[in-house]
Amino acid sequence: MEDNLKKSLVLLAVLFLTASLFAQTKKEDRWQGHIVRINKSESTIDVRGGHKNMEETNKRIAYDSSTQWTKLGKPAEMKDFKDGDYVIVVGNTDEKGVMHATQIDLRQR
């Protein structure tokens, strides 16, 4: 009986720690706007826009091999993206203000 109680307490502690880790997971940032320039040699895209539709702030977006390229939510290729295209970017922003994209979605031309 005592072993079952110890096992239950250990299981409860593991569940509590797991829940705490999930609660601490940082929510991804979102940025939307028009592509100003694509720099393939640096793997970056400059996007003029913001968190809301009418903002006009430039943001440097970094991408890598794990970035998902989509068009209206469906798989696409990076070559489909051009200067002037409207995109929605999801990712995490580092301490230097560079957003590291997990997904870049092409919305309109």
PDB file of N, CA and C in Angstrom:
ATOM      1  N   MET A   1       0.822  -1.196   0.000  1.00  0.00           N
ATOM      2  CA  MET A   1       0.000   0.000   0.000  1.00  0.00           C
ATOM      3  C   MET A   1       0.868   1.262   0.000  1.00  0.00           C
ATOM      4  N   GLU A   2       1.921   1.243   0.818  1.00  0.00           N
ATOM      5  CA  GLU A   2       2.799   2.394   0.913  1.00  0.00           C
ATOM      6  C   GLU A   2       3.510   2.648  -0.417  1.00  0.00           C
ATOM      7  N   ASP A   3       3.880   1.567  -1.133  1.00  0.00           N
ATOM      8  CA  ASP A   3       4.514   1.700  -2.457  1.00  0.00           C
ATOM      9  C   ASP A   3       3.573   2.370  -3.445  1.00  0.00           C
ATOM     10  N   ASN A   4       2.298   2.001  -3.419  1.00  0.00           N
ATOM     11  CA  ASN A   4       1.318   2.620  -4.311  1.00  0.00           C
ATOM     12  C   ASN A   4       1.162   4.106  -4.025  1.00  0.00           C
ATOM     13  N   LEU A   5       1.217   4.480  -2.768  1.00  0.00           N
ATOM     14  CA  LEU A   5       1.110   5.887  -2.393  1.00  0.00           C
ATOM     15  C   LEU A   5       2.328   6.658  -2.906  1.00  0.00           C
ATOM     16  N   LYS A   6       3.518   6.083  -2.751  1.00  0.00           N
ATOM     17  CA  LYS A   6       4.741   6.735  -3.243  1.00  0.00           C
ATOM     18  C   LYS A   6       4.690   6.890  -4.758  1.00  0.00           C
ATOM     19  N   LYS A   7       4.260   5.854  -5.454  1.00  0.00           N
ATOM     20  CA  LYS A   7       4.158   5.907  -6.913  1.00  0.00           C
ATOM     21  C   LYS A   7       3.147   6.974  -7.342  1.00  0.00           C
ATOM     22  N   SER A   8       2.064   7.053  -6.629  1.00  0.00           N
ATOM     23  CA  SER A   8       1.040   8.056  -6.949  1.00  0.00           C
ATOM     24  C   SER A   8       1.568   9.465  -6.737  1.00  0.00           C
ATOM     25  N   LEU A   9       2.316   9.677  -5.658  1.00  0.00           N
ATOM     26  CA  LEU A   9       2.886  10.986  -5.386  1.00  0.00           C
ATOM     27  C   LEU A   9       3.929  11.367  -6.434  1.00  0.00           C
ATOM     28  N   VAL A  10       4.752  10.403  -6.843  1.00  0.00           N
ATOM     29  CA  VAL A  10       5.751  10.671  -7.883  1.00  0.00           C
ATOM     30  C   VAL A  10       5.047  11.017  -9.189  1.00  0.00           C
ATOM     31  N   LEU A  11       4.026  10.260  -9.539  1.00  0.00           N
ATOM     32  CA  LEU A  11       3.273  10.526 -10.765  1.00  0.00           C
ATOM     33  C   LEU A  11       2.622  11.902 -10.712  1.00  0.00           C
ATOM     34  N   LEU A  12       2.070  12.254  -9.585  1.00  0.00           N
ATOM     35  CA  LEU A  12       1.450  13.563  -9.412  1.00  0.00           C
ATOM     36  C   LEU A  12       2.491  14.684  -9.569  1.00  0.00           C
ATOM     37  N   ALA A  13       3.674  14.485  -9.009  1.00  0.00           N
ATOM     38  CA  ALA A  13       4.747  15.482  -9.125  1.00  0.00           C
ATOM     39  C   ALA A  13       5.184  15.640 -10.576  1.00  0.00           C
ATOM     40  N   VAL A  14       5.314  14.534 -11.299  1.00  0.00           N
ATOM     41  CA  VAL A  14       5.703  14.579 -12.710  1.00  0.00           C
ATOM     42  C   VAL A  14       4.640  15.325 -13.517  1.00  0.00           C
ATOM     43  N   LEU A  15       3.385  15.027 -13.285  1.00  0.00           N
ATOM     44  CA  LEU A  15       2.306  15.717 -13.990  1.00  0.00           C
ATOM     45  C   LEU A  15       2.310  17.212 -13.693  1.00  0.00           C
ATOM     46  N   PHE A  16       2.548  17.574 -12.449  1.00  0.00           N
ATOM     47  CA  PHE A  16       2.593  18.984 -12.075  1.00  0.00           C
ATOM     48  C   PHE A  16       3.746  19.698 -12.774  1.00  0.00           C
ATOM     49  N   LEU A  17       4.930  19.088 -12.800  1.00  0.00           N
ATOM     50  CA  LEU A  17       6.085  19.701 -13.463  1.00  0.00           C
ATOM     51  C   LEU A  17       5.866  19.824 -14.967  1.00  0.00           C
ATOM     52  N   THR A  18       5.260  18.816 -15.565  1.00  0.00           N
ATOM     53  CA  THR A  18       4.966  18.861 -16.993  1.00  0.00           C
ATOM     54  C   THR A  18       3.995  20.001 -17.304  1.00  0.00           C
ATOM     55  N   ALA A  19       2.968  20.134 -16.512  1.00  0.00           N
ATOM     56  CA  ALA A  19       1.993  21.211 -16.704  1.00  0.00           C
ATOM     57  C   ALA A  19       2.662  22.573 -16.539  1.00  0.00           C
ATOM     58  N   SER A  20       3.584  22.701 -15.586  1.00  0.00           N
ATOM     59  CA  SER A  20       4.295  23.958 -15.378  1.00  0.00           C
ATOM     60  C   SER A  20       5.156  24.316 -16.587  1.00  0.00           C
ATOM     61  N   LEU A  21       5.811  23.319 -17.169  1.00  0.00           N
ATOM     62  CA  LEU A  21       6.637  23.573 -18.348  1.00  0.00           C
ATOM     63  C   LEU A  21       5.789  24.044 -19.520  1.00  0.00           C
ATOM     64  N   PHE A  22       4.649  23.423 -19.723  1.00  0.00           N
ATOM     65  CA  PHE A  22       3.764  23.848 -20.807  1.00  0.00           C
ATOM     66  C   PHE A  22       3.250  25.267 -20.576  1.00  0.00           C
ATOM     67  N   ALA A  23       2.987  25.622 -19.345  1.00  0.00           N
ATOM     68  CA  ALA A  23       2.490  26.963 -19.037  1.00  0.00           C
ATOM     69  C   ALA A  23       3.559  28.022 -19.300  1.00  0.00           C
ATOM     70  N   GLN A  24       4.842  27.641 -19.201  1.00  0.00           N
ATOM     71  CA  GLN A  24       5.928  28.586 -19.405  1.00  0.00           C
ATOM     72  C   GLN A  24       6.320  28.723 -20.877  1.00  0.00           C
ATOM     73  N   THR A  25       5.790  27.882 -21.746  1.00  0.00           N
ATOM     74  CA  THR A  25       6.122  27.946 -23.161  1.00  0.00           C
ATOM     75  C   THR A  25       5.698  29.297 -23.718  1.00  0.00           C
ATOM     76  N   LYS A  26       6.647  29.968 -24.388  1.00  0.00           N
ATOM     77  CA  LYS A  26       6.375  31.303 -24.923  1.00  0.00           C
ATOM     78  C   LYS A  26       5.474  31.211 -26.152  1.00  0.00           C
ATOM     79  N   LYS A  27       4.478  32.057 -26.171  1.00  0.00           N
ATOM     80  CA  LYS A  27       3.585  32.132 -27.323  1.00  0.00           C
ATOM     81  C   LYS A  27       4.349  32.746 -28.489  1.00  0.00           C
ATOM     82  N   GLU A  28       4.112  32.236 -29.688  1.00  0.00           N
ATOM     83  CA  GLU A  28       4.792  32.760 -30.860  1.00  0.00           C
ATOM     84  C   GLU A  28       4.269  34.148 -31.224  1.00  0.00           C
ATOM     85  N   ASP A  29       5.184  34.963 -31.775  1.00  0.00           N
ATOM     86  CA  ASP A  29       4.829  36.298 -32.243  1.00  0.00           C
ATOM     87  C   ASP A  29       4.222  36.199 -33.638  1.00  0.00           C
ATOM     88  N   ARG A  30       3.510  37.255 -34.023  1.00  0.00           N
ATOM     89  CA  ARG A  30       2.892  37.322 -35.346  1.00  0.00           C
ATOM     90  C   ARG A  30       3.206  38.690 -35.945  1.00  0.00           C
ATOM     91  N   TRP A  31       3.541  38.718 -37.226  1.00  0.00           N
ATOM     92  CA  TRP A  31       3.842  39.957 -37.939  1.00  0.00           C
ATOM     93  C   TRP A  31       3.218  39.854 -39.312  1.00  0.00           C
ATOM     94  N   GLN A  32       2.651  40.935 -39.796  1.00  0.00           N
ATOM     95  CA  GLN A  32       2.047  40.913 -41.126  1.00  0.00           C
ATOM     96  C   GLN A  32       2.394  42.184 -41.866  1.00  0.00           C
ATOM     97  N   GLY A  33       2.528  42.074 -43.170  1.00  0.00           N
ATOM     98  CA  GLY A  33       2.841  43.241 -43.971  1.00  0.00           C
ATOM     99  C   GLY A  33       3.383  42.842 -45.333  1.00  0.00           C
ATOM    100  N   HIS A  34       3.949  43.831 -46.032  1.00  0.00           N
ATOM    101  CA  HIS A  34       4.469  43.617 -47.387  1.00  0.00           C
ATOM    102  C   HIS A  34       5.971  43.394 -47.355  1.00  0.00           C
ATOM    103  N   ILE A  35       6.431  42.460 -48.166  1.00  0.00           N
ATOM    104  CA  ILE A  35       7.858  42.194 -48.281  1.00  0.00           C
ATOM    105  C   ILE A  35       8.529  43.389 -48.948  1.00  0.00           C
ATOM    106  N   VAL A  36       9.531  43.945 -48.288  1.00  0.00           N
ATOM    107  CA  VAL A  36      10.297  45.060 -48.829  1.00  0.00           C
ATOM    108  C   VAL A  36      11.490  44.522 -49.618  1.00  0.00           C
ATOM    109  N   ARG A  37      12.181  43.539 -49.042  1.00  0.00           N
ATOM    110  CA  ARG A  37      13.307  42.916 -49.735  1.00  0.00           C
ATOM    111  C   ARG A  37      13.558  41.523 -49.177  1.00  0.00           C
ATOM    112  N   ILE A  38      14.048  40.663 -50.045  1.00  0.00           N
ATOM    113  CA  ILE A  38      14.446  39.309 -49.665  1.00  0.00           C
ATOM    114  C   ILE A  38      15.957  39.230 -49.848  1.00  0.00           C
ATOM    115  N   ASN A  39      16.673  38.854 -48.802  1.00  0.00           N
ATOM    116  CA  ASN A  39      18.120  38.718 -48.857  1.00  0.00           C
ATOM    117  C   ASN A  39      18.462  37.234 -48.686  1.00  0.00           C
ATOM    118  N   LYS A  40      18.588  36.521 -49.797  1.00  0.00           N
ATOM    119  CA  LYS A  40      18.832  35.079 -49.746  1.00  0.00           C
ATOM    120  C   LYS A  40      20.182  34.741 -49.134  1.00  0.00           C
ATOM    121  N   SER A  41      21.198  35.590 -49.351  1.00  0.00           N
ATOM    122  CA  SER A  41      22.527  35.286 -48.816  1.00  0.00           C
ATOM    123  C   SER A  41      22.556  35.342 -47.287  1.00  0.00           C
ATOM    124  N   GLU A  42      21.685  36.153 -46.686  1.00  0.00           N
ATOM    125  CA  GLU A  42      21.601  36.249 -45.229  1.00  0.00           C
ATOM    126  C   GLU A  42      20.395  35.505 -44.660  1.00  0.00           C
ATOM    127  N   SER A  43      19.588  34.914 -45.539  1.00  0.00           N
ATOM    128  CA  SER A  43      18.361  34.207 -45.136  1.00  0.00           C
ATOM    129  C   SER A  43      17.446  35.104 -44.307  1.00  0.00           C
ATOM    130  N   THR A  44      17.206  36.324 -44.829  1.00  0.00           N
ATOM    131  CA  THR A  44      16.312  37.258 -44.144  1.00  0.00           C
ATOM    132  C   THR A  44      15.337  37.883 -45.134  1.00  0.00           C
ATOM    133  N   ILE A  45      14.224  38.329 -44.596  1.00  0.00           N
ATOM    134  CA  ILE A  45      13.218  39.076 -45.350  1.00  0.00           C
ATOM    135  C   ILE A  45      12.872  40.296 -44.512  1.00  0.00           C
ATOM    136  N   ASP A  46      12.839  41.471 -45.131  1.00  0.00           N
ATOM    137  CA  ASP A  46      12.372  42.677 -44.451  1.00  0.00           C
ATOM    138  C   ASP A  46      10.911  42.875 -44.813  1.00  0.00           C
ATOM    139  N   VAL A  47      10.081  43.020 -43.785  1.00  0.00           N
ATOM    140  CA  VAL A  47       8.638  43.160 -43.978  1.00  0.00           C
ATOM    141  C   VAL A  47       8.183  44.464 -43.342  1.00  0.00           C
ATOM    142  N   ARG A  48       7.474  45.295 -44.121  1.00  0.00           N
ATOM    143  CA  ARG A  48       6.903  46.548 -43.608  1.00  0.00           C
ATOM    144  C   ARG A  48       5.456  46.283 -43.235  1.00  0.00           C
ATOM    145  N   GLY A  49       5.162  46.453 -41.957  1.00  0.00           N
ATOM    146  CA  GLY A  49       3.806  46.195 -41.485  1.00  0.00           C
ATOM    147  C   GLY A  49       3.764  46.282 -39.984  1.00  0.00           C
ATOM    148  N   GLY A  50       3.147  45.296 -39.346  1.00  0.00           N
ATOM    149  CA  GLY A  50       3.045  45.299 -37.897  1.00  0.00           C
ATOM    150  C   GLY A  50       2.147  44.209 -37.393  1.00  0.00           C
ATOM    151  N   HIS A  51       1.733  44.370 -36.154  1.00  0.00           N
ATOM    152  CA  HIS A  51       0.816  43.411 -35.537  1.00  0.00           C
ATOM    153  C   HIS A  51      -0.603  43.607 -36.058  1.00  0.00           C
ATOM    154  N   LYS A  52      -0.888  44.839 -36.469  1.00  0.00           N
ATOM    155  CA  LYS A  52      -2.214  45.166 -36.989  1.00  0.00           C
ATOM    156  C   LYS A  52      -2.099  45.521 -38.458  1.00  0.00           C
ATOM    157  N   ASN A  53      -3.197  45.612 -39.114  1.00  0.00           N
ATOM    158  CA  ASN A  53      -3.259  45.805 -40.560  1.00  0.00           C
ATOM    159  C   ASN A  53      -2.622  47.087 -41.072  1.00  0.00           C
ATOM    160  N   MET A  54      -2.758  48.203 -40.400  1.00  0.00           N
ATOM    161  CA  MET A  54      -2.362  49.498 -40.952  1.00  0.00           C
ATOM    162  C   MET A  54      -1.013  50.011 -40.436  1.00  0.00           C
ATOM    163  N   GLU A  55      -0.270  49.209 -39.705  1.00  0.00           N
ATOM    164  CA  GLU A  55       1.020  49.658 -39.184  1.00  0.00           C
ATOM    165  C   GLU A  55       2.058  49.703 -40.297  1.00  0.00           C
ATOM    166  N   GLU A  56       3.080  50.532 -40.123  1.00  0.00           N
ATOM    167  CA  GLU A  56       4.119  50.718 -41.143  1.00  0.00           C
ATOM    168  C   GLU A  56       5.522  50.636 -40.536  1.00  0.00           C
ATOM    169  N   THR A  57       5.800  49.597 -39.787  1.00  0.00           N
ATOM    170  CA  THR A  57       7.101  49.410 -39.168  1.00  0.00           C
ATOM    171  C   THR A  57       7.857  48.317 -39.920  1.00  0.00           C
ATOM    172  N   ASN A  58       9.158  48.539 -40.173  1.00  0.00           N
ATOM    173  CA  ASN A  58       9.970  47.507 -40.818  1.00  0.00           C
ATOM    174  C   ASN A  58      10.468  46.516 -39.781  1.00  0.00           C
ATOM    175  N   LYS A  59      10.439  45.243 -40.138  1.00  0.00           N
ATOM    176  CA  LYS A  59      10.923  44.188 -39.244  1.00  0.00           C
ATOM    177  C   LYS A  59      11.743  43.208 -40.053  1.00  0.00           C
ATOM    178  N   ARG A  60      12.893  42.843 -39.507  1.00  0.00           N
ATOM    179  CA  ARG A  60      13.741  41.842 -40.149  1.00  0.00           C
ATOM    180  C   ARG A  60      13.284  40.462 -39.704  1.00  0.00           C
ATOM    181  N   ILE A  61      13.018  39.611 -40.690  1.00  0.00           N
ATOM    182  CA  ILE A  61      12.556  38.251 -40.439  1.00  0.00           C
ATOM    183  C   ILE A  61      13.658  37.297 -40.901  1.00  0.00           C
ATOM    184  N   ALA A  62      14.112  36.425 -40.020  1.00  0.00           N
ATOM    185  CA  ALA A  62      15.100  35.411 -40.388  1.00  0.00           C
ATOM    186  C   ALA A  62      14.372  34.102 -40.662  1.00  0.00           C
ATOM    187  N   TYR A  63      14.857  33.375 -41.658  1.00  0.00           N
ATOM    188  CA  TYR A  63      14.282  32.056 -41.961  1.00  0.00           C
ATOM    189  C   TYR A  63      15.410  31.045 -42.073  1.00  0.00           C
ATOM    190  N   ASP A  64      15.050  29.769 -41.966  1.00  0.00           N
ATOM    191  CA  ASP A  64      16.024  28.699 -42.123  1.00  0.00           C
ATOM    192  C   ASP A  64      15.324  27.476 -42.714  1.00  0.00           C
ATOM    193  N   SER A  65      16.013  26.361 -42.703  1.00  0.00           N
ATOM    194  CA  SER A  65      15.468  25.155 -43.338  1.00  0.00           C
ATOM    195  C   SER A  65      14.206  24.633 -42.641  1.00  0.00           C
ATOM    196  N   SER A  66      13.980  25.036 -41.393  1.00  0.00           N
ATOM    197  CA  SER A  66      12.785  24.563 -40.685  1.00  0.00           C
ATOM    198  C   SER A  66      11.566  25.456 -40.909  1.00  0.00           C
ATOM    199  N   THR A  67      11.758  26.620 -41.545  1.00  0.00           N
ATOM    200  CA  THR A  67      10.649  27.541 -41.794  1.00  0.00           C
ATOM    201  C   THR A  67       9.668  26.917 -42.790  1.00  0.00           C
ATOM    202  N   GLN A  68       8.395  26.964 -42.458  1.00  0.00           N
ATOM    203  CA  GLN A  68       7.349  26.469 -43.360  1.00  0.00           C
ATOM    204  C   GLN A  68       6.886  27.612 -44.248  1.00  0.00           C
ATOM    205  N   TRP A  69       6.949  27.407 -45.555  1.00  0.00           N
ATOM    206  CA  TRP A  69       6.482  28.384 -46.537  1.00  0.00           C
ATOM    207  C   TRP A  69       5.117  27.931 -47.009  1.00  0.00           C
ATOM    208  N   THR A  70       4.104  28.808 -46.872  1.00  0.00           N
ATOM    209  CA  THR A  70       2.749  28.449 -47.253  1.00  0.00           C
ATOM    210  C   THR A  70       2.105  29.576 -48.053  1.00  0.00           C
ATOM    211  N   LYS A  71       1.087  29.219 -48.809  1.00  0.00           N
ATOM    212  CA  LYS A  71       0.275  30.192 -49.541  1.00  0.00           C
ATOM    213  C   LYS A  71      -1.169  29.915 -49.173  1.00  0.00           C
ATOM    214  N   LEU A  72      -1.778  30.876 -48.495  1.00  0.00           N
ATOM    215  CA  LEU A  72      -3.148  30.735 -47.987  1.00  0.00           C
ATOM    216  C   LEU A  72      -3.294  29.452 -47.162  1.00  0.00           C
ATOM    217  N   GLY A  73      -2.249  29.149 -46.385  1.00  0.00           N
ATOM    218  CA  GLY A  73      -2.279  27.997 -45.486  1.00  0.00           C
ATOM    219  C   GLY A  73      -1.888  26.670 -46.103  1.00  0.00           C
ATOM    220  N   LYS A  74      -1.640  26.649 -47.405  1.00  0.00           N
ATOM    221  CA  LYS A  74      -1.261  25.408 -48.085  1.00  0.00           C
ATOM    222  C   LYS A  74       0.226  25.455 -48.438  1.00  0.00           C
ATOM    223  N   PRO A  75       0.899  24.308 -48.499  1.00  0.00           N
ATOM    224  CA  PRO A  75       2.342  24.283 -48.774  1.00  0.00           C
ATOM    225  C   PRO A  75       2.715  25.071 -50.030  1.00  0.00           C
ATOM    226  N   ALA A  76       3.824  25.808 -49.928  1.00  0.00           N
ATOM    227  CA  ALA A  76       4.351  26.593 -51.046  1.00  0.00           C
ATOM    228  C   ALA A  76       5.877  26.495 -50.988  1.00  0.00           C
ATOM    229  N   GLU A  77       6.526  27.176 -51.924  1.00  0.00           N
ATOM    230  CA  GLU A  77       7.978  27.208 -51.937  1.00  0.00           C
ATOM    231  C   GLU A  77       8.452  28.643 -51.813  1.00  0.00           C
ATOM    232  N   MET A  78       9.648  28.813 -51.289  1.00  0.00           N
ATOM    233  CA  MET A  78      10.187  30.149 -51.082  1.00  0.00           C
ATOM    234  C   MET A  78      10.250  30.937 -52.385  1.00  0.00           C
ATOM    235  N   LYS A  79      10.494  30.274 -53.486  1.00  0.00           N
ATOM    236  CA  LYS A  79      10.603  30.964 -54.777  1.00  0.00           C
ATOM    237  C   LYS A  79       9.293  31.653 -55.181  1.00  0.00           C
ATOM    238  N   ASP A  80       8.168  31.271 -54.562  1.00  0.00           N
ATOM    239  CA  ASP A  80       6.866  31.878 -54.847  1.00  0.00           C
ATOM    240  C   ASP A  80       6.721  33.276 -54.228  1.00  0.00           C
ATOM    241  N   PHE A  81       7.641  33.653 -53.331  1.00  0.00           N
ATOM    242  CA  PHE A  81       7.552  34.904 -52.577  1.00  0.00           C
ATOM    243  C   PHE A  81       8.398  35.974 -53.252  1.00  0.00           C
ATOM    244  N   LYS A  82       7.794  37.145 -53.468  1.00  0.00           N
ATOM    245  CA  LYS A  82       8.451  38.251 -54.176  1.00  0.00           C
ATOM    246  C   LYS A  82       8.291  39.552 -53.391  1.00  0.00           C
ATOM    247  N   ASP A  83       9.154  40.536 -53.705  1.00  0.00           N
ATOM    248  CA  ASP A  83       9.014  41.868 -53.116  1.00  0.00           C
ATOM    249  C   ASP A  83       7.607  42.397 -53.406  1.00  0.00           C
ATOM    250  N   GLY A  84       6.994  43.007 -52.398  1.00  0.00           N
ATOM    251  CA  GLY A  84       5.656  43.568 -52.546  1.00  0.00           C
ATOM    252  C   GLY A  84       4.546  42.624 -52.112  1.00  0.00           C
ATOM    253  N   ASP A  85       4.837  41.330 -51.991  1.00  0.00           N
ATOM    254  CA  ASP A  85       3.812  40.372 -51.557  1.00  0.00           C
ATOM    255  C   ASP A  85       3.418  40.630 -50.108  1.00  0.00           C
ATOM    256  N   TYR A  86       2.148  40.374 -49.799  1.00  0.00           N
ATOM    257  CA  TYR A  86       1.641  40.506 -48.445  1.00  0.00           C
ATOM    258  C   TYR A  86       1.768  39.160 -47.752  1.00  0.00           C
ATOM    259  N   VAL A  87       2.408  39.144 -46.580  1.00  0.00           N
ATOM    260  CA  VAL A  87       2.646  37.901 -45.857  1.00  0.00           C
ATOM    261  C   VAL A  87       2.231  38.034 -44.397  1.00  0.00           C
ATOM    262  N   ILE A  88       1.954  36.895 -43.804  1.00  0.00           N
ATOM    263  CA  ILE A  88       1.762  36.791 -42.362  1.00  0.00           C
ATOM    264  C   ILE A  88       2.856  35.858 -41.863  1.00  0.00           C
ATOM    265  N   VAL A  89       3.617  36.335 -40.868  1.00  0.00           N
ATOM    266  CA  VAL A  89       4.757  35.587 -40.349  1.00  0.00           C
ATOM    267  C   VAL A  89       4.486  35.211 -38.902  1.00  0.00           C
ATOM    268  N   VAL A  90       4.806  33.974 -38.554  1.00  0.00           N
ATOM    269  CA  VAL A  90       4.688  33.490 -37.186  1.00  0.00           C
ATOM    270  C   VAL A  90       6.068  32.994 -36.767  1.00  0.00           C
ATOM    271  N   GLY A  91       6.497  33.370 -35.566  1.00  0.00           N
ATOM    272  CA  GLY A  91       7.805  32.945 -35.085  1.00  0.00           C
ATOM    273  C   GLY A  91       8.117  33.558 -33.730  1.00  0.00           C
ATOM    274  N   ASN A  92       9.401  33.547 -33.392  1.00  0.00           N
ATOM    275  CA  ASN A  92       9.851  34.081 -32.111  1.00  0.00           C
ATOM    276  C   ASN A  92      10.873  35.184 -32.350  1.00  0.00           C
ATOM    277  N   THR A  93      10.759  36.269 -31.601  1.00  0.00           N
ATOM    278  CA  THR A  93      11.655  37.405 -31.737  1.00  0.00           C
ATOM    279  C   THR A  93      12.768  37.308 -30.697  1.00  0.00           C
ATOM    280  N   ASP A  94      14.029  37.483 -31.168  1.00  0.00           N
ATOM    281  CA  ASP A  94      15.159  37.411 -30.244  1.00  0.00           C
ATOM    282  C   ASP A  94      15.413  38.756 -29.576  1.00  0.00           C
ATOM    283  N   GLU A  95      16.445  38.800 -28.731  1.00  0.00           N
ATOM    284  CA  GLU A  95      16.747  40.017 -27.966  1.00  0.00           C
ATOM    285  C   GLU A  95      17.207  41.170 -28.844  1.00  0.00           C
ATOM    286  N   LYS A  96      17.618  40.904 -30.091  1.00  0.00           N
ATOM    287  CA  LYS A  96      18.030  41.958 -31.017  1.00  0.00           C
ATOM    288  C   LYS A  96      16.873  42.464 -31.870  1.00  0.00           C
ATOM    289  N   GLY A  97      15.682  41.897 -31.680  1.00  0.00           N
ATOM    290  CA  GLY A  97      14.513  42.332 -32.429  1.00  0.00           C
ATOM    291  C   GLY A  97      14.314  41.603 -33.749  1.00  0.00           C
ATOM    292  N   VAL A  98      15.140  40.585 -34.014  1.00  0.00           N
ATOM    293  CA  VAL A  98      14.995  39.796 -35.240  1.00  0.00           C
ATOM    294  C   VAL A  98      14.014  38.667 -34.976  1.00  0.00           C
ATOM    295  N   MET A  99      13.027  38.563 -35.836  1.00  0.00           N
ATOM    296  CA  MET A  99      12.034  37.508 -35.700  1.00  0.00           C
ATOM    297  C   MET A  99      12.503  36.286 -36.480  1.00  0.00           C
ATOM    298  N   HIS A 100      12.505  35.133 -35.842  1.00  0.00           N
ATOM    299  CA  HIS A 100      12.895  33.876 -36.469  1.00  0.00           C
ATOM    300  C   HIS A 100      11.610  33.134 -36.849  1.00  0.00           C
ATOM    301  N   ALA A 101      11.344  33.075 -38.138  1.00  0.00           N
ATOM    302  CA  ALA A 101      10.063  32.578 -38.642  1.00  0.00           C
ATOM    303  C   ALA A 101       9.953  31.058 -38.551  1.00  0.00           C
ATOM    304  N   THR A 102       8.836  30.596 -38.012  1.00  0.00           N
ATOM    305  CA  THR A 102       8.495  29.189 -38.101  1.00  0.00           C
ATOM    306  C   THR A 102       7.578  28.949 -39.295  1.00  0.00           C
ATOM    307  N   GLN A 103       6.813  30.001 -39.665  1.00  0.00           N
ATOM    308  CA  GLN A 103       5.938  29.921 -40.848  1.00  0.00           C
ATOM    309  C   GLN A 103       5.822  31.298 -41.478  1.00  0.00           C
ATOM    310  N   ILE A 104       5.890  31.315 -42.820  1.00  0.00           N
ATOM    311  CA  ILE A 104       5.645  32.529 -43.586  1.00  0.00           C
ATOM    312  C   ILE A 104       4.555  32.196 -44.594  1.00  0.00           C
ATOM    313  N   ASP A 105       3.421  32.877 -44.472  1.00  0.00           N
ATOM    314  CA  ASP A 105       2.256  32.567 -45.303  1.00  0.00           C
ATOM    315  C   ASP A 105       1.998  33.699 -46.297  1.00  0.00           C
ATOM    316  N   LEU A 106       2.004  33.388 -47.575  1.00  0.00           N
ATOM    317  CA  LEU A 106       1.722  34.333 -48.647  1.00  0.00           C
ATOM    318  C   LEU A 106       0.217  34.533 -48.732  1.00  0.00           C
ATOM    319  N   ARG A 107      -0.224  35.791 -48.672  1.00  0.00           N
ATOM    320  CA  ARG A 107      -1.660  36.078 -48.655  1.00  0.00           C
ATOM    321  C   ARG A 107      -2.166  36.656 -49.965  1.00  0.00           C
ATOM    322  N   GLN A 108      -1.449  37.611 -50.562  1.00  0.00           N
ATOM    323  CA  GLN A 108      -1.923  38.226 -51.793  1.00  0.00           C
ATOM    324  C   GLN A 108      -0.752  38.867 -52.511  1.00  0.00           C
ATOM    325  N   ARG A 109      -0.946  39.173 -53.765  1.00  0.00           N
ATOM    326  CA  ARG A 109       0.105  39.859 -54.558  1.00  0.00           C
ATOM    327  C   ARG A 109      -0.309  41.279 -54.783  1.00  0.00           C
TER     328      ARG A 109
END
